[in-house]
Amino acid sequence: MEELIQRIVTSVGIDEGLAKTAVGIILNMFQKEGDAGAVASLMNAMPGAGDLASAAASATSDGDSGGGLGGLMGAAASMLGGDSPVMGMVGDLTGAGLSIDQAKGVGNELMEFATEKAGGDVIAQIAGSIPGLDQLL
């Protein structure tokens, strides 16, 4: 996971702690909402991923996933067809301190890294099992 975190730090321009938090938030959403078999394959292919997801689950369990964006989140949610798990994840990412562009950058780096480690079929299965994820990435 250190390789992924360093890639995110370099490409997105955020610090290591925020990169770990962001990856954990995304992986936690995958665990909650994605195809269980595909997510298990992904987690096995990326040692340390489960720890980041668990840390994020603890940090975001207070239910505040709006990130203070109000109207913007509502507009984005309606664009994705309502209150989706992806919008909750985006709210968690912005609440952690990322801009929308930074959140997208983290997501893109994570998906690229995950594809390298677990394969495109696994990632396609996860993306296909979470409504709205394909529109974000």
C-alpha atoms as a PDB file:
ATOM      1  CA  MET A   1       0.000   0.000   0.000  1.00  0.00           C
ATOM      2  CA  GLU A   2       2.958   2.298   0.532  1.00  0.00           C
ATOM      3  CA  GLU A   3       3.568   2.398  -3.224  1.00  0.00           C
ATOM      4  CA  LEU A   4      -0.039   3.499  -3.821  1.00  0.00           C
ATOM      5  CA  ILE A   5       0.096   6.114  -1.082  1.00  0.00           C
ATOM      6  CA  GLN A   6       3.289   7.607  -2.521  1.00  0.00           C
ATOM      7  CA  ARG A   7       1.769   7.673  -6.004  1.00  0.00           C
ATOM      8  CA  ILE A   8      -1.218   9.585  -4.638  1.00  0.00           C
ATOM      9  CA  VAL A   9       0.965  12.005  -2.672  1.00  0.00           C
ATOM     10  CA  THR A  10       2.936  12.757  -5.838  1.00  0.00           C
ATOM     11  CA  SER A  11       0.124  12.903  -8.388  1.00  0.00           C
ATOM     12  CA  VAL A  12      -2.660  14.475  -6.311  1.00  0.00           C
ATOM     13  CA  GLY A  13      -0.467  16.714  -4.165  1.00  0.00           C
ATOM     14  CA  ILE A  14      -1.801  15.784  -0.728  1.00  0.00           C
ATOM     15  CA  ASP A  15       0.045  14.617   2.368  1.00  0.00           C
ATOM     16  CA  GLU A  16       0.517  10.977   3.274  1.00  0.00           C
ATOM     17  CA  GLY A  17      -1.988  10.975   6.126  1.00  0.00           C
ATOM     18  CA  LEU A  18      -4.761  12.383   3.952  1.00  0.00           C
ATOM     19  CA  ALA A  19      -3.876   9.945   1.159  1.00  0.00           C
ATOM     20  CA  LYS A  20      -4.233   7.001   3.578  1.00  0.00           C
ATOM     21  CA  THR A  21      -7.528   8.353   4.879  1.00  0.00           C
ATOM     22  CA  ALA A  22      -8.882   8.841   1.362  1.00  0.00           C
ATOM     23  CA  VAL A  23      -7.870   5.361   0.193  1.00  0.00           C
ATOM     24  CA  GLY A  24      -9.416   3.895   3.337  1.00  0.00           C
ATOM     25  CA  ILE A  25     -12.708   5.718   2.728  1.00  0.00           C
ATOM     26  CA  ILE A  26     -12.926   4.389  -0.830  1.00  0.00           C
ATOM     27  CA  LEU A  27     -11.974   0.834   0.143  1.00  0.00           C
ATOM     28  CA  ASN A  28     -14.466   0.905   3.015  1.00  0.00           C
ATOM     29  CA  MET A  29     -17.238   1.856   0.587  1.00  0.00           C
ATOM     30  CA  PHE A  30     -16.128  -0.973  -1.713  1.00  0.00           C
ATOM     31  CA  GLN A  31     -16.407  -3.413   1.205  1.00  0.00           C
ATOM     32  CA  LYS A  32     -19.875  -2.174   2.155  1.00  0.00           C
ATOM     33  CA  GLU A  33     -21.362  -1.866  -1.317  1.00  0.00           C
ATOM     34  CA  GLY A  34     -19.330  -3.866  -3.815  1.00  0.00           C
ATOM     35  CA  ASP A  35     -19.480  -7.456  -4.979  1.00  0.00           C
ATOM     36  CA  ALA A  36     -18.167  -9.415  -1.980  1.00  0.00           C
ATOM     37  CA  GLY A  37     -16.082 -11.883  -3.981  1.00  0.00           C
ATOM     38  CA  ALA A  38     -14.464  -9.230  -6.137  1.00  0.00           C
ATOM     39  CA  VAL A  39     -13.761  -6.996  -3.134  1.00  0.00           C
ATOM     40  CA  ALA A  40     -12.184  -9.935  -1.280  1.00  0.00           C
ATOM     41  CA  SER A  41      -9.951 -10.576  -4.302  1.00  0.00           C
ATOM     42  CA  LEU A  42      -8.957  -6.925  -4.373  1.00  0.00           C
ATOM     43  CA  MET A  43      -8.172  -6.840  -0.661  1.00  0.00           C
ATOM     44  CA  ASN A  44      -6.079 -10.005  -0.952  1.00  0.00           C
ATOM     45  CA  ALA A  45      -4.135  -8.493  -3.861  1.00  0.00           C
ATOM     46  CA  MET A  46      -3.350  -5.341  -1.876  1.00  0.00           C
ATOM     47  CA  PRO A  47      -1.877  -6.213   1.548  1.00  0.00           C
ATOM     48  CA  GLY A  48      -2.737  -3.527   4.083  1.00  0.00           C
ATOM     49  CA  ALA A  49      -5.892  -2.466   2.271  1.00  0.00           C
ATOM     50  CA  GLY A  50      -8.129  -3.991   4.934  1.00  0.00           C
ATOM     51  CA  ASP A  51      -6.410  -1.989   7.672  1.00  0.00           C
ATOM     52  CA  LEU A  52      -6.999   1.293   5.828  1.00  0.00           C
ATOM     53  CA  ALA A  53     -10.645   0.368   5.185  1.00  0.00           C
ATOM     54  CA  SER A  54     -11.172  -0.528   8.851  1.00  0.00           C
ATOM     55  CA  ALA A  55      -9.633   2.749  10.020  1.00  0.00           C
ATOM     56  CA  ALA A  56     -11.917   4.662   7.655  1.00  0.00           C
ATOM     57  CA  ALA A  57     -14.970   2.727   8.829  1.00  0.00           C
ATOM     58  CA  SER A  58     -14.264   3.811  12.397  1.00  0.00           C
ATOM     59  CA  ALA A  59     -13.629   7.422  11.415  1.00  0.00           C
ATOM     60  CA  THR A  60     -16.755   7.803   9.265  1.00  0.00           C
ATOM     61  CA  SER A  61     -19.199   5.800  11.381  1.00  0.00           C
ATOM     62  CA  ASP A  62     -20.722   8.988  12.801  1.00  0.00           C
ATOM     63  CA  GLY A  63     -22.989   9.177   9.753  1.00  0.00           C
ATOM     64  CA  ASP A  64     -21.908  12.655   8.665  1.00  0.00           C
ATOM     65  CA  SER A  65     -21.095  12.125   5.034  1.00  0.00           C
ATOM     66  CA  GLY A  66     -22.215  15.468   3.690  1.00  0.00           C
ATOM     67  CA  GLY A  67     -18.851  17.095   4.043  1.00  0.00           C
ATOM     68  CA  GLY A  68     -20.565  20.469   4.403  1.00  0.00           C
ATOM     69  CA  LEU A  69     -21.218  20.823   0.692  1.00  0.00           C
ATOM     70  CA  GLY A  70     -25.004  21.003   0.907  1.00  0.00           C
ATOM     71  CA  GLY A  71     -26.346  22.081  -2.479  1.00  0.00           C
ATOM     72  CA  LEU A  72     -23.367  20.779  -4.425  1.00  0.00           C
ATOM     73  CA  MET A  73     -23.773  17.310  -2.942  1.00  0.00           C
ATOM     74  CA  GLY A  74     -27.500  17.413  -3.589  1.00  0.00           C
ATOM     75  CA  ALA A  75     -26.953  18.391  -7.210  1.00  0.00           C
ATOM     76  CA  ALA A  76     -24.370  15.661  -7.666  1.00  0.00           C
ATOM     77  CA  ALA A  77     -26.621  13.110  -5.963  1.00  0.00           C
ATOM     78  CA  SER A  78     -29.494  13.937  -8.282  1.00  0.00           C
ATOM     79  CA  MET A  79     -27.148  13.637 -11.253  1.00  0.00           C
ATOM     80  CA  LEU A  80     -26.287  10.110 -10.094  1.00  0.00           C
ATOM     81  CA  GLY A  81     -29.918   9.236  -9.561  1.00  0.00           C
ATOM     82  CA  GLY A  82     -30.446   9.988  -5.894  1.00  0.00           C
ATOM     83  CA  ASP A  83     -28.717   9.247  -2.627  1.00  0.00           C
ATOM     84  CA  SER A  84     -26.084   6.739  -3.683  1.00  0.00           C
ATOM     85  CA  PRO A  85     -23.316   5.115  -1.662  1.00  0.00           C
ATOM     86  CA  VAL A  86     -20.882   6.861  -4.010  1.00  0.00           C
ATOM     87  CA  MET A  87     -22.193  10.260  -2.952  1.00  0.00           C
ATOM     88  CA  GLY A  88     -21.783   9.270   0.689  1.00  0.00           C
ATOM     89  CA  MET A  89     -18.191   8.343  -0.092  1.00  0.00           C
ATOM     90  CA  VAL A  90     -17.612  11.658  -1.881  1.00  0.00           C
ATOM     91  CA  GLY A  91     -19.041  13.426   1.156  1.00  0.00           C
ATOM     92  CA  ASP A  92     -16.657  11.523   3.410  1.00  0.00           C
ATOM     93  CA  LEU A  93     -13.722  12.417   1.153  1.00  0.00           C
ATOM     94  CA  THR A  94     -14.576  16.114   1.074  1.00  0.00           C
ATOM     95  CA  GLY A  95     -15.265  16.021   4.796  1.00  0.00           C
ATOM     96  CA  ALA A  96     -11.743  14.656   5.280  1.00  0.00           C
ATOM     97  CA  GLY A  97     -10.377  17.721   3.487  1.00  0.00           C
ATOM     98  CA  LEU A  98     -10.178  16.816  -0.187  1.00  0.00           C
ATOM     99  CA  SER A  99     -11.528  18.922  -3.016  1.00  0.00           C
ATOM    100  CA  ILE A 100     -13.701  17.170  -5.596  1.00  0.00           C
ATOM    101  CA  ASP A 101     -10.771  17.160  -8.037  1.00  0.00           C
ATOM    102  CA  GLN A 102      -8.443  15.687  -5.414  1.00  0.00           C
ATOM    103  CA  ALA A 103     -11.025  13.024  -4.537  1.00  0.00           C
ATOM    104  CA  LYS A 104     -11.289  12.096  -8.196  1.00  0.00           C
ATOM    105  CA  GLY A 105      -7.495  11.988  -8.462  1.00  0.00           C
ATOM    106  CA  VAL A 106      -7.257   9.636  -5.487  1.00  0.00           C
ATOM    107  CA  GLY A 107      -9.993   7.445  -6.967  1.00  0.00           C
ATOM    108  CA  ASN A 108      -8.276   7.288 -10.333  1.00  0.00           C
ATOM    109  CA  GLU A 109      -4.904   6.394  -8.804  1.00  0.00           C
ATOM    110  CA  LEU A 110      -6.523   3.757  -6.601  1.00  0.00           C
ATOM    111  CA  MET A 111      -8.375   2.176  -9.515  1.00  0.00           C
ATOM    112  CA  GLU A 112      -5.237   2.157 -11.669  1.00  0.00           C
ATOM    113  CA  PHE A 113      -3.200   0.579  -8.854  1.00  0.00           C
ATOM    114  CA  ALA A 114      -5.966  -1.913  -8.065  1.00  0.00           C
ATOM    115  CA  THR A 115      -6.159  -2.915 -11.726  1.00  0.00           C
ATOM    116  CA  GLU A 116      -2.409  -3.547 -11.739  1.00  0.00           C
ATOM    117  CA  LYS A 117      -2.619  -5.680  -8.585  1.00  0.00           C
ATOM    118  CA  ALA A 118      -5.963  -7.493  -8.907  1.00  0.00           C
ATOM    119  CA  GLY A 119      -6.713  -7.327 -12.639  1.00  0.00           C
ATOM    120  CA  GLY A 120      -9.206  -5.467 -14.760  1.00  0.00           C
ATOM    121  CA  ASP A 121     -11.925  -8.096 -14.419  1.00  0.00           C
ATOM    122  CA  VAL A 122     -12.012  -7.747 -10.617  1.00  0.00           C
ATOM    123  CA  ILE A 123     -12.146  -3.966 -10.821  1.00  0.00           C
ATOM    124  CA  ALA A 124     -14.857  -4.060 -13.486  1.00  0.00           C
ATOM    125  CA  GLN A 125     -16.888  -6.369 -11.251  1.00  0.00           C
ATOM    126  CA  ILE A 126     -16.580  -3.988  -8.308  1.00  0.00           C
ATOM    127  CA  ALA A 127     -17.343  -0.907 -10.412  1.00  0.00           C
ATOM    128  CA  GLY A 128     -20.341  -2.649 -11.978  1.00  0.00           C
ATOM    129  CA  SER A 129     -21.756  -3.618  -8.590  1.00  0.00           C
ATOM    130  CA  ILE A 130     -21.793  -0.092  -7.134  1.00  0.00           C
ATOM    131  CA  PRO A 131     -24.328   2.245  -8.768  1.00  0.00           C
ATOM    132  CA  GLY A 132     -22.782   5.545  -9.864  1.00  0.00           C
ATOM    133  CA  LEU A 133     -19.155   4.546  -9.355  1.00  0.00           C
ATOM    134  CA  ASP A 134     -18.429   4.451 -13.076  1.00  0.00           C
ATOM    135  CA  GLN A 135     -19.656   8.060 -13.414  1.00  0.00           C
ATOM    136  CA  LEU A 136     -17.250   9.268 -10.729  1.00  0.00           C
ATOM    137  CA  LEU A 137     -14.080   7.635 -12.034  1.00  0.00           C
END
